[in-house]
Amino acid sequence: MIGLGFRNCIVVEVHTDAGIVGYGETVLKRRSKTVEQNIHELGRYLLGKDPLRIEDHHEKMYRDSFWVGGPLHGSAISAVDVALWDIKGKAHNAPIYKLLGGPTRDRIPVYCHCPAGDSPPEFAANLLRCKEWGYFAAKTTLPLFYGGRAPAADEGYSGARGTISATWRETEWLPTNTFERIAEFFMAGREAVGGDFEIAVDCHGRLSPADAIQLCENLAPYKLMFIEEPTPPEDPAALREVTSRSVTRIAAGERLASIYEVRPFLEARSLALLQVDLANCGGITGGKKIAALAESHYVSLCPHNPNGPLATAAAVQLLSAIPNCFMLEMIGSPEDLELHRRMAPNALQVENGYLKLPTLPGLGVEPAAGCEKEFPYQPFEGWR
């Protein structure tokens, strides 16, 4: 368990009798200890088995639990699955993407996080800072709901709570001018960075369909790259209602933990971008299946990934081997990238808004020995 900034990276080591060690990472911010115990239970199943039979192990870890699905189980499977792929790549002396059919691209575009701040001018300044870092795309969390001044360690993330209560429910009243006030942030941001810089917003599932439609209408003039998770994550029909009324792409899916949970959202045409997190949706094996299903619906993968260096490397391995890669999320601040380097000295580095494909065998990234002592576990609580 590695307490890396605002999250715990749960790292799995799988040892083989051939001396090969595989590594995987998962993050489930508010349930780290629960996932850790699940991983230990999966370890009992894997003991003594052939690590290269990944598809067989993936199906059995999912089905033989009896309680299939959900992020608590999916996160544990994900970390183990990535570690098995790391072993397979090292056994064949090849990066994982070469075992998945070979690369479809030579680099992966990424976007960084940008706190909204307390005011439109502050958001504009924060976006300009992202541009100075070398990015061409950034995402903020919904202004007024989130975005107040953040501690220094979280400067690249969402910021602190906004002026709207953290416990406000999507079925409660909001002042009628709320979405006009939110739009002022994006007006200022767009004026600051120009039309060639991509801006996105994450709503964290906080709005009803009716409010989400108002948000989309108010933000349409500012040409956002996407609006993420405008409605709560349980109902594809509610999200479809918003998608059908929005000229801006709707993105969602970070809380979907298997191909079976994804399927109804694709069948309902509820989203344009699918944001499953490889640290939660079954790892590389689960992500590969989900990507193929999304491709059949003309939907691109834009994975959720505010994670550590091993999870980032796993996402890059998959995205480089599929045709429907859109972009990859990263926190992306210099402070967070430095944490990645300290946890894993060969962590992938962002260059002008892109990550180059790793060339080392397997995952291509390994944690530093003893990094769990430098970054001890931290308990996290949160809000919506």
Protein backbone atom coordinates (compact mmCIF):
# COMPACT_ATOMS: atom_id res chain seq x y z
CA MET A 1 0.00 0.00 0.00
CA ILE A 2 1.61 3.24 -1.16
CA GLY A 3 0.10 6.55 -0.02
CA LEU A 4 0.89 8.66 -3.07
CA GLY A 5 -0.35 12.19 -2.55
CA PHE A 6 -4.17 12.18 -2.41
CA ARG A 7 -4.59 8.42 -3.14
CA ASN A 8 -3.35 5.01 -2.06
CA CYS A 9 -1.77 2.94 -4.82
CA ILE A 10 -2.35 -0.71 -4.00
CA VAL A 11 0.53 -2.55 -5.66
CA VAL A 12 0.45 -6.30 -6.32
CA GLU A 13 3.61 -8.39 -6.68
CA VAL A 14 3.18 -11.82 -8.25
CA HIS A 15 6.24 -14.08 -7.94
CA THR A 16 6.87 -17.10 -10.17
CA ASP A 17 9.07 -20.14 -9.66
CA ALA A 18 10.98 -19.04 -12.78
CA GLY A 19 12.10 -15.94 -10.90
CA ILE A 20 9.94 -13.47 -12.86
CA VAL A 21 8.06 -10.91 -10.77
CA GLY A 22 4.99 -9.14 -12.12
CA TYR A 23 3.57 -5.85 -10.83
CA GLY A 24 0.09 -4.36 -10.98
CA GLU A 25 -1.62 -1.38 -9.37
CA THR A 26 -5.14 -0.46 -8.43
CA VAL A 27 -6.66 2.59 -6.74
CA LEU A 28 -10.05 2.72 -5.02
CA LYS A 29 -9.55 5.82 -2.96
CA ARG A 30 -12.00 5.36 -0.08
CA ARG A 31 -11.90 1.55 0.17
CA SER A 32 -8.18 0.72 -0.05
CA LYS A 33 -8.04 -1.72 2.86
CA THR A 34 -11.09 -3.62 1.60
CA VAL A 35 -9.52 -4.10 -1.83
CA GLU A 36 -6.23 -5.14 -0.24
CA GLN A 37 -7.93 -8.00 1.59
CA ASN A 38 -9.69 -9.11 -1.60
CA ILE A 39 -6.33 -9.28 -3.37
CA HIS A 40 -4.99 -11.58 -0.64
CA GLU A 41 -7.99 -13.84 -1.18
CA LEU A 42 -7.36 -13.96 -4.93
CA GLY A 43 -3.76 -14.86 -4.15
CA ARG A 44 -4.89 -18.12 -2.58
CA TYR A 45 -6.52 -19.09 -5.87
CA LEU A 46 -3.43 -18.25 -7.95
CA LEU A 47 -0.93 -20.12 -5.77
CA GLY A 48 0.76 -22.89 -7.78
CA LYS A 49 -0.94 -22.09 -11.09
CA ASP A 50 0.54 -21.22 -14.50
CA PRO A 51 0.73 -17.39 -14.59
CA LEU A 52 0.52 -17.30 -18.41
CA ARG A 53 -3.07 -18.60 -18.55
CA ILE A 54 -4.39 -15.10 -18.05
CA GLU A 55 -7.77 -15.43 -19.77
CA ASP A 56 -8.60 -18.54 -17.75
CA HIS A 57 -7.57 -16.90 -14.49
CA HIS A 58 -9.47 -13.70 -15.28
CA GLU A 59 -12.73 -15.56 -15.94
CA LYS A 60 -12.36 -17.71 -12.82
CA MET A 61 -11.47 -14.83 -10.52
CA TYR A 62 -14.61 -13.06 -11.76
CA ARG A 63 -17.04 -16.00 -11.82
CA ASP A 64 -15.84 -18.15 -8.94
CA SER A 65 -16.35 -15.35 -6.43
CA PHE A 66 -20.10 -15.96 -7.00
CA TRP A 67 -20.66 -12.25 -6.17
CA VAL A 68 -19.74 -11.07 -9.65
CA GLY A 69 -19.25 -7.45 -10.64
CA GLY A 70 -18.73 -4.21 -8.77
CA PRO A 71 -15.64 -2.07 -8.24
CA LEU A 72 -14.51 -3.74 -4.99
CA HIS A 73 -14.06 -7.05 -6.79
CA GLY A 74 -13.10 -5.51 -10.13
CA SER A 75 -10.29 -3.48 -8.58
CA ALA A 76 -8.66 -6.52 -7.01
CA ILE A 77 -8.92 -8.50 -10.26
CA SER A 78 -7.49 -5.53 -12.18
CA ALA A 79 -4.27 -5.33 -10.17
CA VAL A 80 -3.69 -9.08 -10.36
CA ASP A 81 -4.48 -9.17 -14.09
CA VAL A 82 -1.96 -6.43 -14.89
CA ALA A 83 0.70 -8.25 -12.84
CA LEU A 84 0.06 -11.42 -14.86
CA TRP A 85 0.42 -9.48 -18.12
CA ASP A 86 3.66 -8.00 -16.77
CA ILE A 87 4.93 -11.54 -16.20
CA LYS A 88 3.82 -12.61 -19.68
CA GLY A 89 5.61 -9.69 -21.32
CA LYS A 90 8.79 -10.35 -19.38
CA ALA A 91 8.60 -14.06 -20.22
CA HIS A 92 8.40 -13.19 -23.94
CA ASN A 93 10.83 -10.24 -23.66
CA ALA A 94 8.28 -7.84 -25.17
CA PRO A 95 6.10 -4.90 -24.09
CA ILE A 96 2.53 -5.97 -23.39
CA TYR A 97 1.13 -4.09 -26.39
CA LYS A 98 3.13 -6.33 -28.72
CA LEU A 99 1.31 -9.32 -27.25
CA LEU A 100 -2.06 -7.60 -27.82
CA GLY A 101 -1.63 -7.34 -31.58
CA GLY A 102 1.03 -4.66 -31.81
CA PRO A 103 0.82 -0.88 -31.62
CA THR A 104 -1.81 1.16 -33.44
CA ARG A 105 -0.03 4.40 -32.55
CA ASP A 106 3.37 5.54 -31.26
CA ARG A 107 2.22 7.85 -28.47
CA ILE A 108 -0.86 8.46 -26.32
CA PRO A 109 -2.41 11.94 -25.95
CA VAL A 110 -3.13 12.94 -22.36
CA TYR A 111 -5.05 15.69 -20.59
CA CYS A 112 -4.24 17.09 -17.16
CA HIS A 113 -6.36 18.27 -14.26
CA CYS A 114 -7.05 21.94 -13.64
CA PRO A 115 -8.76 23.29 -10.49
CA ALA A 116 -11.63 25.65 -11.30
CA GLY A 117 -10.65 28.02 -8.51
CA ASP A 118 -12.94 30.44 -6.72
CA SER A 119 -13.68 32.70 -9.70
CA PRO A 120 -13.63 32.81 -13.52
CA PRO A 121 -10.34 34.78 -13.60
CA GLU A 122 -8.72 32.22 -11.32
CA PHE A 123 -9.86 29.39 -13.60
CA ALA A 124 -8.45 31.22 -16.62
CA ALA A 125 -5.10 31.57 -14.84
CA ASN A 126 -5.09 27.88 -13.91
CA LEU A 127 -5.76 26.87 -17.52
CA LEU A 128 -2.90 29.06 -18.72
CA ARG A 129 -0.65 27.30 -16.24
CA CYS A 130 -1.65 23.92 -17.74
CA LYS A 131 -0.81 25.28 -21.18
CA GLU A 132 2.58 26.45 -19.89
CA TRP A 133 3.24 22.91 -18.64
CA GLY A 134 3.00 21.78 -22.27
CA TYR A 135 -0.51 20.31 -22.35
CA PHE A 136 -3.06 20.94 -25.08
CA ALA A 137 -6.02 19.66 -23.01
CA ALA A 138 -7.20 20.00 -19.42
CA LYS A 139 -10.23 19.02 -17.34
CA THR A 140 -11.76 20.75 -14.36
CA THR A 141 -14.42 19.62 -11.93
CA LEU A 142 -17.73 21.44 -11.95
CA PRO A 143 -17.21 25.04 -10.74
CA LEU A 144 -19.21 26.13 -7.67
CA PHE A 145 -19.58 22.44 -6.70
CA TYR A 146 -15.78 22.03 -6.50
CA GLY A 147 -12.69 24.08 -7.11
CA GLY A 148 -11.88 26.25 -4.13
CA ARG A 149 -8.26 26.82 -3.23
CA ALA A 150 -6.51 23.50 -2.71
CA PRO A 151 -3.60 22.49 -0.48
CA ALA A 152 -0.27 22.62 -2.31
CA ALA A 153 -0.14 18.82 -2.60
CA ASP A 154 -3.41 18.82 -4.55
CA GLU A 155 -2.74 21.80 -6.81
CA GLY A 156 -3.16 19.71 -9.94
CA TYR A 157 -6.43 18.13 -8.84
CA SER A 158 -9.97 19.41 -8.29
CA GLY A 159 -9.27 21.86 -5.54
CA ALA A 160 -11.26 22.13 -2.33
CA ARG A 161 -15.03 22.18 -1.93
CA GLY A 162 -17.02 24.81 -3.76
CA THR A 163 -19.80 27.03 -2.49
CA ILE A 164 -22.53 24.43 -3.17
CA SER A 165 -22.77 22.01 -0.27
CA ALA A 166 -21.00 18.67 -0.64
CA THR A 167 -24.18 16.97 0.54
CA TRP A 168 -26.49 18.69 -1.94
CA ARG A 169 -28.63 16.08 -3.70
CA GLU A 170 -29.36 16.02 -7.42
CA THR A 171 -33.11 16.11 -6.67
CA GLU A 172 -32.94 19.35 -4.65
CA TRP A 173 -33.46 22.95 -5.75
CA LEU A 174 -30.65 25.00 -7.24
CA PRO A 175 -30.87 28.75 -7.89
CA THR A 176 -32.01 29.30 -11.48
CA ASN A 177 -28.86 31.24 -12.40
CA THR A 178 -26.46 28.50 -11.22
CA PHE A 179 -25.60 27.30 -14.71
CA GLU A 180 -25.13 30.83 -16.03
CA ARG A 181 -22.63 31.40 -13.21
CA ILE A 182 -20.83 28.16 -14.08
CA ALA A 183 -20.71 29.20 -17.74
CA GLU A 184 -18.86 32.37 -16.75
CA PHE A 185 -15.88 30.22 -15.71
CA PHE A 186 -15.70 28.63 -19.16
CA MET A 187 -16.17 31.94 -20.94
CA ALA A 188 -13.12 33.27 -19.09
CA GLY A 189 -11.17 30.06 -19.65
CA ARG A 190 -11.85 29.95 -23.37
CA GLU A 191 -10.87 33.60 -23.80
CA ALA A 192 -7.61 32.92 -21.95
CA VAL A 193 -6.38 29.81 -23.79
CA GLY A 194 -7.98 30.28 -27.21
CA GLY A 195 -9.82 27.87 -29.44
CA ASP A 196 -7.00 25.36 -30.00
CA PHE A 197 -6.79 24.28 -26.34
CA GLU A 198 -9.17 21.51 -25.25
CA ILE A 199 -11.27 22.06 -22.10
CA ALA A 200 -13.44 19.44 -20.39
CA VAL A 201 -15.55 19.38 -17.24
CA ASP A 202 -16.31 16.57 -14.79
CA CYS A 203 -19.66 16.78 -12.99
CA HIS A 204 -19.06 13.75 -10.70
CA GLY A 205 -22.63 12.60 -11.35
CA ARG A 206 -24.07 15.47 -9.32
CA LEU A 207 -26.99 16.60 -11.52
CA SER A 208 -30.47 15.44 -12.45
CA PRO A 209 -31.13 15.01 -16.19
CA ALA A 210 -33.06 18.30 -16.28
CA ASP A 211 -30.24 20.24 -14.61
CA ALA A 212 -27.62 18.48 -16.74
CA ILE A 213 -29.42 19.56 -19.92
CA GLN A 214 -29.38 23.17 -18.69
CA LEU A 215 -25.65 22.85 -18.01
CA CYS A 216 -25.00 21.51 -21.52
CA GLU A 217 -26.99 24.33 -23.11
CA ASN A 218 -25.13 26.99 -21.13
CA LEU A 219 -21.71 25.51 -21.95
CA ALA A 220 -22.33 24.84 -25.65
CA PRO A 221 -20.85 28.20 -26.84
CA TYR A 222 -17.46 27.37 -25.31
CA LYS A 223 -16.84 24.23 -27.41
CA LEU A 224 -15.80 21.82 -24.66
CA MET A 225 -14.04 18.56 -25.49
CA PHE A 226 -16.55 16.68 -23.32
CA ILE A 227 -18.87 16.94 -20.33
CA GLU A 228 -18.22 14.06 -17.95
CA GLU A 229 -20.70 12.14 -15.80
CA PRO A 230 -23.42 14.82 -15.69
CA THR A 231 -25.93 12.45 -14.02
CA PRO A 232 -25.54 9.76 -11.33
CA PRO A 233 -23.87 6.59 -12.65
CA GLU A 234 -26.64 4.02 -12.17
CA ASP A 235 -29.04 4.80 -15.02
CA PRO A 236 -28.15 4.64 -18.74
CA ALA A 237 -31.58 6.02 -19.69
CA ALA A 238 -31.04 9.17 -17.60
CA LEU A 239 -27.68 9.74 -19.24
CA ARG A 240 -29.16 9.05 -22.67
CA GLU A 241 -31.69 11.82 -22.02
CA VAL A 242 -28.82 14.28 -21.61
CA THR A 243 -26.79 12.92 -24.52
CA SER A 244 -29.72 13.31 -26.89
CA ARG A 245 -29.98 17.03 -26.01
CA SER A 246 -26.29 17.94 -25.93
CA VAL A 247 -24.13 19.13 -28.82
CA THR A 248 -21.09 18.48 -26.63
CA ARG A 249 -19.76 14.93 -26.23
CA ILE A 250 -20.94 13.19 -23.08
CA ALA A 251 -18.34 11.03 -21.33
CA ALA A 252 -18.93 8.52 -18.52
CA GLY A 253 -18.08 5.07 -17.25
CA GLU A 254 -15.35 5.39 -14.62
CA ARG A 255 -17.61 3.65 -12.06
CA LEU A 256 -18.43 0.74 -14.38
CA ALA A 257 -16.36 -2.29 -13.40
CA SER A 258 -17.00 -4.94 -16.07
CA ILE A 259 -18.04 -5.48 -19.68
CA TYR A 260 -21.49 -6.42 -18.38
CA GLU A 261 -21.93 -3.09 -16.58
CA VAL A 262 -20.74 -1.19 -19.66
CA ARG A 263 -23.01 -2.97 -22.15
CA PRO A 264 -26.36 -1.26 -21.30
CA PHE A 265 -24.77 2.20 -21.61
CA LEU A 266 -23.46 1.36 -25.07
CA GLU A 267 -26.69 -0.27 -26.19
CA ALA A 268 -28.67 2.79 -25.05
CA ARG A 269 -26.29 5.15 -26.89
CA SER A 270 -25.82 6.95 -23.59
CA LEU A 271 -22.31 8.26 -24.15
CA ALA A 272 -19.77 9.28 -26.77
CA LEU A 273 -16.64 8.59 -24.70
CA LEU A 274 -16.22 5.59 -22.40
CA GLN A 275 -14.08 6.27 -19.33
CA VAL A 276 -13.61 2.89 -17.70
CA ASP A 277 -10.55 2.75 -15.43
CA LEU A 278 -8.22 -0.18 -16.08
CA ALA A 279 -7.44 -0.20 -12.36
CA ASN A 280 -11.08 -1.08 -11.64
CA CYS A 281 -12.67 -2.72 -14.70
CA GLY A 282 -10.67 -5.95 -14.87
CA GLY A 283 -7.22 -4.74 -15.87
CA ILE A 284 -5.84 -5.22 -19.35
CA THR A 285 -7.95 -8.31 -20.03
CA GLY A 286 -11.18 -6.61 -18.99
CA GLY A 287 -10.22 -3.37 -20.72
CA LYS A 288 -9.46 -5.13 -24.01
CA LYS A 289 -12.93 -6.71 -24.06
CA ILE A 290 -14.62 -3.43 -23.17
CA ALA A 291 -12.66 -1.57 -25.85
CA ALA A 292 -13.78 -4.04 -28.51
CA LEU A 293 -17.42 -3.75 -27.43
CA ALA A 294 -17.16 0.06 -27.47
CA GLU A 295 -15.58 -0.04 -30.93
CA SER A 296 -18.62 -1.92 -32.25
CA HIS A 297 -20.75 1.06 -31.09
CA TYR A 298 -18.34 3.69 -32.56
CA VAL A 299 -17.41 4.81 -29.05
CA SER A 300 -13.84 5.81 -28.10
CA LEU A 301 -11.97 4.88 -24.92
CA CYS A 302 -10.86 7.82 -22.77
CA PRO A 303 -9.86 6.04 -19.54
CA HIS A 304 -10.27 7.46 -16.07
CA ASN A 305 -6.75 7.54 -14.60
CA PRO A 306 -5.96 9.87 -11.68
CA ASN A 307 -3.73 7.01 -10.54
CA GLY A 308 -0.10 6.08 -9.98
CA PRO A 309 2.67 5.19 -12.44
CA LEU A 310 1.91 1.47 -12.80
CA ALA A 311 -1.78 2.04 -13.56
CA THR A 312 -0.80 4.74 -16.05
CA ALA A 313 1.59 2.35 -17.78
CA ALA A 314 -1.12 -0.34 -17.96
CA ALA A 315 -3.52 2.11 -19.61
CA VAL A 316 -0.86 3.12 -22.14
CA GLN A 317 -0.18 -0.53 -22.97
CA LEU A 318 -3.85 -1.10 -23.82
CA LEU A 319 -4.54 2.22 -25.54
CA SER A 320 -1.56 1.70 -27.82
CA ALA A 321 -3.01 -1.61 -29.05
CA ILE A 322 -6.62 -0.64 -29.83
CA PRO A 323 -8.07 1.42 -32.69
CA ASN A 324 -10.51 3.48 -30.60
CA CYS A 325 -8.14 5.41 -28.30
CA PHE A 326 -9.26 8.99 -27.62
CA MET A 327 -7.10 10.31 -24.79
CA LEU A 328 -5.81 9.36 -21.32
CA GLU A 329 -6.44 11.23 -18.08
CA MET A 330 -3.58 12.16 -15.75
CA ILE A 331 -3.34 14.57 -12.84
CA GLY A 332 -0.33 15.83 -14.75
CA SER A 333 0.98 18.56 -12.45
CA PRO A 334 4.77 18.74 -12.00
CA GLU A 335 4.25 17.83 -8.35
CA ASP A 336 2.27 14.70 -9.19
CA LEU A 337 4.66 13.63 -11.95
CA GLU A 338 7.49 13.92 -9.44
CA LEU A 339 5.56 11.61 -7.08
CA HIS A 340 5.29 9.13 -9.97
CA ARG A 341 9.07 9.27 -10.46
CA ARG A 342 9.76 8.77 -6.77
CA MET A 343 7.45 5.76 -6.61
CA ALA A 344 8.74 4.29 -9.90
CA PRO A 345 12.03 5.72 -11.26
CA ASN A 346 11.17 4.64 -14.83
CA ALA A 347 7.64 6.08 -14.73
CA LEU A 348 6.38 7.31 -18.10
CA GLN A 349 6.95 11.01 -18.66
CA VAL A 350 4.67 13.49 -20.43
CA GLU A 351 6.24 15.29 -23.39
CA ASN A 352 4.19 18.06 -25.02
CA GLY A 353 0.92 16.46 -23.96
CA TYR A 354 1.82 12.89 -24.98
CA LEU A 355 3.18 9.71 -23.42
CA LYS A 356 5.56 7.68 -25.54
CA LEU A 357 5.10 3.92 -25.57
CA PRO A 358 7.34 2.03 -23.14
CA THR A 359 9.93 -0.21 -24.73
CA LEU A 360 10.94 -2.42 -21.80
CA PRO A 361 9.45 -5.93 -21.51
CA GLY A 362 6.13 -6.35 -19.73
CA LEU A 363 4.51 -3.32 -18.17
CA GLY A 364 7.68 -1.28 -18.61
CA VAL A 365 7.44 0.35 -15.17
CA GLU A 366 8.32 -1.06 -11.74
CA PRO A 367 8.04 0.40 -8.23
CA ALA A 368 11.18 1.40 -6.40
CA ALA A 369 12.27 -1.00 -3.69
CA GLY A 370 10.96 0.14 -0.31
CA CYS A 371 8.77 2.93 -1.70
CA GLU A 372 5.96 1.85 0.62
CA LYS A 373 8.14 3.10 3.51
CA GLU A 374 8.61 6.49 1.88
CA PHE A 375 4.89 6.74 1.09
CA PRO A 376 2.92 5.04 3.91
CA TYR A 377 -0.80 4.25 3.70
CA GLN A 378 -3.23 7.11 4.37
CA PRO A 379 -6.91 6.75 5.26
CA PHE A 380 -9.14 8.84 3.00
CA GLU A 381 -12.70 10.04 3.38
CA GLY A 382 -14.52 12.12 0.86
CA TRP A 383 -17.76 13.53 -0.48
CA ARG A 384 -19.75 13.28 -3.68
